[in-house]
Amino acid sequence: MSGEAGRDEGIGRVLDNAGTWKHRSRNLVMNTDELTGRLMTGEDIRLYVSQRVGSPHHHNAWGGLIMGLVKRKRLVEVDRVKMRDPRSHARKTPVYRVS
């Protein structure tokens, strides 16, 4: 199994176990017109969703949410910036335009 296949399988399992959170969070971002055209990082999306839907059962579900939104072309990468959360140690993260 390739690295990508293993990653995708693991993310799929986490999202399968996320129950209604997966659907509620995806629907929120996909169907909220006020987000269209905004520039957001994964951190921004995490804060937006967690305030409205709550947090998933496992932190890896956030990555699955973002990957799914990119695959659906709701998020389009336009840049990379340093993350703000000190726990991220200023690593670079994509900036997405919500389309």
N, C-alpha and C. Protein backbone atom coordinates (compact mmCIF):
# COMPACT_ATOMS: atom_id res chain seq x y z
N MET A 1 0.85 -1.18 0.00
CA MET A 1 0.00 0.00 0.00
C MET A 1 0.89 1.24 0.00
N SER A 2 0.54 2.20 -0.84
CA SER A 2 1.34 3.42 -0.91
C SER A 2 1.08 4.30 0.30
N GLY A 3 1.94 5.28 0.49
CA GLY A 3 1.76 6.22 1.60
C GLY A 3 0.44 6.96 1.51
N GLU A 4 0.08 7.39 0.30
CA GLU A 4 -1.19 8.11 0.11
C GLU A 4 -2.38 7.21 0.39
N ALA A 5 -2.30 5.96 -0.05
CA ALA A 5 -3.40 5.04 0.17
C ALA A 5 -3.60 4.77 1.66
N GLY A 6 -2.49 4.59 2.38
CA GLY A 6 -2.58 4.39 3.83
C GLY A 6 -3.15 5.60 4.53
N ARG A 7 -2.70 6.77 4.11
CA ARG A 7 -3.23 8.02 4.68
C ARG A 7 -4.73 8.12 4.43
N ASP A 8 -5.14 7.90 3.19
CA ASP A 8 -6.55 8.03 2.83
C ASP A 8 -7.41 7.01 3.57
N GLU A 9 -6.89 5.80 3.73
CA GLU A 9 -7.64 4.77 4.46
C GLU A 9 -7.82 5.17 5.92
N GLY A 10 -6.75 5.65 6.54
CA GLY A 10 -6.82 6.09 7.94
C GLY A 10 -7.77 7.25 8.13
N ILE A 11 -7.70 8.23 7.24
CA ILE A 11 -8.60 9.39 7.33
C ILE A 11 -10.04 8.95 7.12
N GLY A 12 -10.25 8.02 6.19
CA GLY A 12 -11.60 7.51 5.96
C GLY A 12 -12.16 6.83 7.20
N ARG A 13 -11.34 6.06 7.90
CA ARG A 13 -11.80 5.40 9.14
C ARG A 13 -12.17 6.42 10.20
N VAL A 14 -11.32 7.45 10.36
CA VAL A 14 -11.61 8.49 11.36
C VAL A 14 -12.92 9.18 11.02
N LEU A 15 -13.11 9.54 9.75
CA LEU A 15 -14.35 10.22 9.36
C LEU A 15 -15.56 9.31 9.49
N ASP A 16 -15.41 8.02 9.19
CA ASP A 16 -16.52 7.08 9.37
C ASP A 16 -16.97 7.03 10.82
N ASN A 17 -16.03 7.19 11.74
CA ASN A 17 -16.35 7.16 13.16
C ASN A 17 -16.78 8.52 13.72
N ALA A 18 -16.79 9.53 12.88
CA ALA A 18 -17.14 10.88 13.34
C ALA A 18 -18.65 11.09 13.42
N GLY A 19 -19.42 10.13 12.94
CA GLY A 19 -20.88 10.21 13.04
C GLY A 19 -21.44 11.43 12.34
N THR A 20 -22.39 12.09 12.98
CA THR A 20 -23.05 13.23 12.35
C THR A 20 -22.14 14.43 12.21
N TRP A 21 -21.06 14.49 12.98
CA TRP A 21 -20.14 15.63 12.89
C TRP A 21 -19.64 15.79 11.46
N LYS A 22 -19.29 14.68 10.82
CA LYS A 22 -18.75 14.74 9.45
C LYS A 22 -19.75 15.43 8.52
N HIS A 23 -20.98 15.03 8.57
CA HIS A 23 -21.98 15.58 7.66
C HIS A 23 -22.33 17.03 8.03
N ARG A 24 -22.47 17.29 9.31
CA ARG A 24 -22.84 18.64 9.74
C ARG A 24 -21.74 19.64 9.42
N SER A 25 -20.48 19.27 9.67
CA SER A 25 -19.37 20.20 9.41
C SER A 25 -19.17 20.41 7.91
N ARG A 26 -19.24 19.34 7.12
CA ARG A 26 -19.08 19.46 5.67
C ARG A 26 -20.21 20.31 5.08
N ASN A 27 -21.44 20.05 5.49
CA ASN A 27 -22.58 20.82 4.99
C ASN A 27 -22.47 22.29 5.37
N LEU A 28 -21.99 22.57 6.57
CA LEU A 28 -21.82 23.95 7.00
C LEU A 28 -20.90 24.70 6.05
N VAL A 29 -19.72 24.15 5.79
CA VAL A 29 -18.75 24.85 4.94
C VAL A 29 -19.21 24.87 3.49
N MET A 30 -19.80 23.79 3.02
CA MET A 30 -20.23 23.73 1.62
C MET A 30 -21.38 24.69 1.33
N ASN A 31 -22.24 24.94 2.30
CA ASN A 31 -23.48 25.66 2.04
C ASN A 31 -23.59 27.03 2.69
N THR A 32 -22.51 27.54 3.24
CA THR A 32 -22.53 28.86 3.87
C THR A 32 -21.99 29.88 2.87
N ASP A 33 -22.90 30.66 2.30
CA ASP A 33 -22.52 31.63 1.27
C ASP A 33 -21.57 32.70 1.78
N GLU A 34 -21.64 33.04 3.08
CA GLU A 34 -20.78 34.10 3.60
C GLU A 34 -19.30 33.72 3.53
N LEU A 35 -18.99 32.44 3.37
CA LEU A 35 -17.59 32.01 3.28
C LEU A 35 -17.04 32.18 1.87
N THR A 36 -17.89 32.20 0.88
CA THR A 36 -17.44 32.24 -0.52
C THR A 36 -16.56 33.47 -0.77
N GLY A 37 -15.39 33.22 -1.35
CA GLY A 37 -14.45 34.28 -1.66
C GLY A 37 -13.47 34.60 -0.55
N ARG A 38 -13.71 34.09 0.66
CA ARG A 38 -12.80 34.37 1.77
C ARG A 38 -11.52 33.56 1.65
N LEU A 39 -10.44 34.11 2.21
CA LEU A 39 -9.18 33.39 2.34
C LEU A 39 -9.13 32.80 3.74
N MET A 40 -8.93 31.50 3.85
CA MET A 40 -8.94 30.83 5.15
C MET A 40 -7.88 29.75 5.19
N THR A 41 -7.31 29.55 6.36
CA THR A 41 -6.43 28.41 6.59
C THR A 41 -7.25 27.29 7.23
N GLY A 42 -6.65 26.13 7.37
CA GLY A 42 -7.31 25.05 8.08
C GLY A 42 -7.65 25.45 9.51
N GLU A 43 -6.76 26.24 10.15
CA GLU A 43 -7.04 26.75 11.50
C GLU A 43 -8.30 27.60 11.51
N ASP A 44 -8.44 28.47 10.52
CA ASP A 44 -9.62 29.33 10.44
C ASP A 44 -10.89 28.49 10.29
N ILE A 45 -10.81 27.47 9.46
CA ILE A 45 -11.97 26.61 9.23
C ILE A 45 -12.28 25.82 10.50
N ARG A 46 -11.25 25.34 11.18
CA ARG A 46 -11.45 24.62 12.44
C ARG A 46 -12.18 25.49 13.46
N LEU A 47 -11.75 26.73 13.61
CA LEU A 47 -12.41 27.63 14.56
C LEU A 47 -13.84 27.93 14.14
N TYR A 48 -14.06 28.17 12.86
CA TYR A 48 -15.40 28.47 12.35
C TYR A 48 -16.35 27.29 12.61
N VAL A 49 -15.90 26.09 12.26
CA VAL A 49 -16.75 24.91 12.41
C VAL A 49 -16.95 24.56 13.89
N SER A 50 -15.89 24.61 14.68
CA SER A 50 -16.03 24.20 16.09
C SER A 50 -16.97 25.11 16.85
N GLN A 51 -17.04 26.39 16.49
CA GLN A 51 -17.97 27.31 17.15
C GLN A 51 -19.41 27.01 16.79
N ARG A 52 -19.64 26.39 15.65
CA ARG A 52 -21.01 26.17 15.18
C ARG A 52 -21.48 24.71 15.28
N VAL A 53 -20.54 23.79 15.15
CA VAL A 53 -20.88 22.37 15.14
C VAL A 53 -20.26 21.64 16.32
N GLY A 54 -19.15 22.15 16.81
CA GLY A 54 -18.41 21.45 17.86
C GLY A 54 -17.19 20.77 17.27
N SER A 55 -16.48 20.07 18.10
CA SER A 55 -15.26 19.38 17.68
C SER A 55 -15.55 17.91 17.43
N PRO A 56 -14.77 17.28 16.56
CA PRO A 56 -14.96 15.85 16.30
C PRO A 56 -14.41 15.01 17.44
N HIS A 57 -14.69 13.73 17.40
CA HIS A 57 -14.21 12.80 18.42
C HIS A 57 -12.69 12.63 18.39
N HIS A 58 -12.07 12.90 17.26
CA HIS A 58 -10.62 12.73 17.11
C HIS A 58 -10.08 13.88 16.27
N HIS A 59 -8.93 14.42 16.67
CA HIS A 59 -8.38 15.59 15.99
C HIS A 59 -8.03 15.33 14.51
N ASN A 60 -7.79 14.10 14.13
CA ASN A 60 -7.47 13.81 12.73
C ASN A 60 -8.66 14.01 11.80
N ALA A 61 -9.86 14.09 12.34
CA ALA A 61 -11.03 14.32 11.50
C ALA A 61 -10.97 15.69 10.83
N TRP A 62 -10.27 16.64 11.44
CA TRP A 62 -10.13 17.96 10.80
C TRP A 62 -9.43 17.84 9.46
N GLY A 63 -8.37 17.07 9.40
CA GLY A 63 -7.66 16.87 8.14
C GLY A 63 -8.54 16.23 7.09
N GLY A 64 -9.37 15.28 7.53
CA GLY A 64 -10.30 14.64 6.61
C GLY A 64 -11.33 15.61 6.07
N LEU A 65 -11.80 16.50 6.95
CA LEU A 65 -12.75 17.51 6.51
C LEU A 65 -12.12 18.40 5.44
N ILE A 66 -10.92 18.90 5.71
CA ILE A 66 -10.24 19.80 4.78
C ILE A 66 -9.97 19.08 3.46
N MET A 67 -9.46 17.85 3.51
CA MET A 67 -9.18 17.10 2.29
C MET A 67 -10.44 16.92 1.45
N GLY A 68 -11.55 16.62 2.11
CA GLY A 68 -12.80 16.45 1.39
C GLY A 68 -13.27 17.72 0.72
N LEU A 69 -13.08 18.86 1.40
CA LEU A 69 -13.48 20.14 0.83
C LEU A 69 -12.59 20.53 -0.35
N VAL A 70 -11.31 20.16 -0.29
CA VAL A 70 -10.40 20.40 -1.41
C VAL A 70 -10.81 19.53 -2.60
N LYS A 71 -11.10 18.25 -2.34
CA LYS A 71 -11.52 17.35 -3.42
C LYS A 71 -12.80 17.83 -4.08
N ARG A 72 -13.68 18.43 -3.30
CA ARG A 72 -14.94 18.94 -3.85
C ARG A 72 -14.77 20.34 -4.45
N LYS A 73 -13.54 20.84 -4.41
CA LYS A 73 -13.18 22.15 -4.98
C LYS A 73 -13.87 23.32 -4.28
N ARG A 74 -14.32 23.11 -3.05
CA ARG A 74 -14.83 24.22 -2.25
C ARG A 74 -13.66 25.04 -1.73
N LEU A 75 -12.52 24.39 -1.48
CA LEU A 75 -11.30 25.06 -1.06
C LEU A 75 -10.25 24.91 -2.15
N VAL A 76 -9.64 26.04 -2.54
CA VAL A 76 -8.59 26.04 -3.55
C VAL A 76 -7.36 26.70 -2.93
N GLU A 77 -6.24 25.97 -2.89
CA GLU A 77 -5.02 26.50 -2.28
C GLU A 77 -4.48 27.66 -3.12
N VAL A 78 -4.17 28.78 -2.44
CA VAL A 78 -3.64 29.95 -3.13
C VAL A 78 -2.31 30.44 -2.55
N ASP A 79 -1.94 29.97 -1.35
CA ASP A 79 -0.72 30.46 -0.70
C ASP A 79 -0.38 29.53 0.45
N ARG A 80 0.72 29.83 1.14
CA ARG A 80 1.11 29.13 2.38
C ARG A 80 1.62 30.17 3.36
N VAL A 81 1.23 30.02 4.63
CA VAL A 81 1.65 30.93 5.68
C VAL A 81 2.02 30.13 6.93
N LYS A 82 2.69 30.78 7.88
CA LYS A 82 3.00 30.14 9.15
C LYS A 82 1.73 30.08 10.00
N MET A 83 1.56 28.95 10.70
CA MET A 83 0.40 28.78 11.56
C MET A 83 0.56 29.66 12.81
N ARG A 84 -0.55 30.08 13.38
CA ARG A 84 -0.54 30.96 14.55
C ARG A 84 -0.51 30.21 15.87
N ASP A 85 -1.13 29.03 15.92
CA ASP A 85 -1.20 28.27 17.17
C ASP A 85 0.22 27.87 17.58
N PRO A 86 0.66 28.25 18.79
CA PRO A 86 2.03 27.92 19.22
C PRO A 86 2.33 26.42 19.18
N ARG A 87 1.32 25.59 19.35
CA ARG A 87 1.54 24.13 19.32
C ARG A 87 1.93 23.66 17.92
N SER A 88 1.70 24.48 16.91
CA SER A 88 2.05 24.12 15.53
C SER A 88 3.48 24.48 15.18
N HIS A 89 4.16 25.20 16.10
CA HIS A 89 5.58 25.55 15.91
C HIS A 89 5.84 26.28 14.60
N ALA A 90 4.89 27.15 14.22
CA ALA A 90 5.02 28.03 13.04
C ALA A 90 5.21 27.28 11.73
N ARG A 91 4.73 26.04 11.66
CA ARG A 91 4.88 25.32 10.39
C ARG A 91 4.00 25.97 9.33
N LYS A 92 4.38 25.80 8.09
CA LYS A 92 3.63 26.39 6.98
C LYS A 92 2.34 25.60 6.74
N THR A 93 1.31 26.33 6.46
CA THR A 93 0.01 25.72 6.18
C THR A 93 -0.62 26.39 4.97
N PRO A 94 -1.40 25.65 4.21
CA PRO A 94 -2.04 26.26 3.03
C PRO A 94 -3.06 27.34 3.41
N VAL A 95 -3.16 28.33 2.54
CA VAL A 95 -4.24 29.29 2.60
C VAL A 95 -5.16 28.93 1.43
N TYR A 96 -6.44 28.83 1.74
CA TYR A 96 -7.42 28.43 0.73
C TYR A 96 -8.35 29.60 0.42
N ARG A 97 -8.77 29.68 -0.83
CA ARG A 97 -9.87 30.56 -1.20
C ARG A 97 -11.10 29.67 -1.21
N VAL A 98 -12.13 30.10 -0.49
CA VAL A 98 -13.39 29.35 -0.48
C VAL A 98 -14.12 29.70 -1.76
N SER A 99 -14.36 28.71 -2.60
CA SER A 99 -14.97 28.97 -3.91
C SER A 99 -16.43 28.55 -3.93
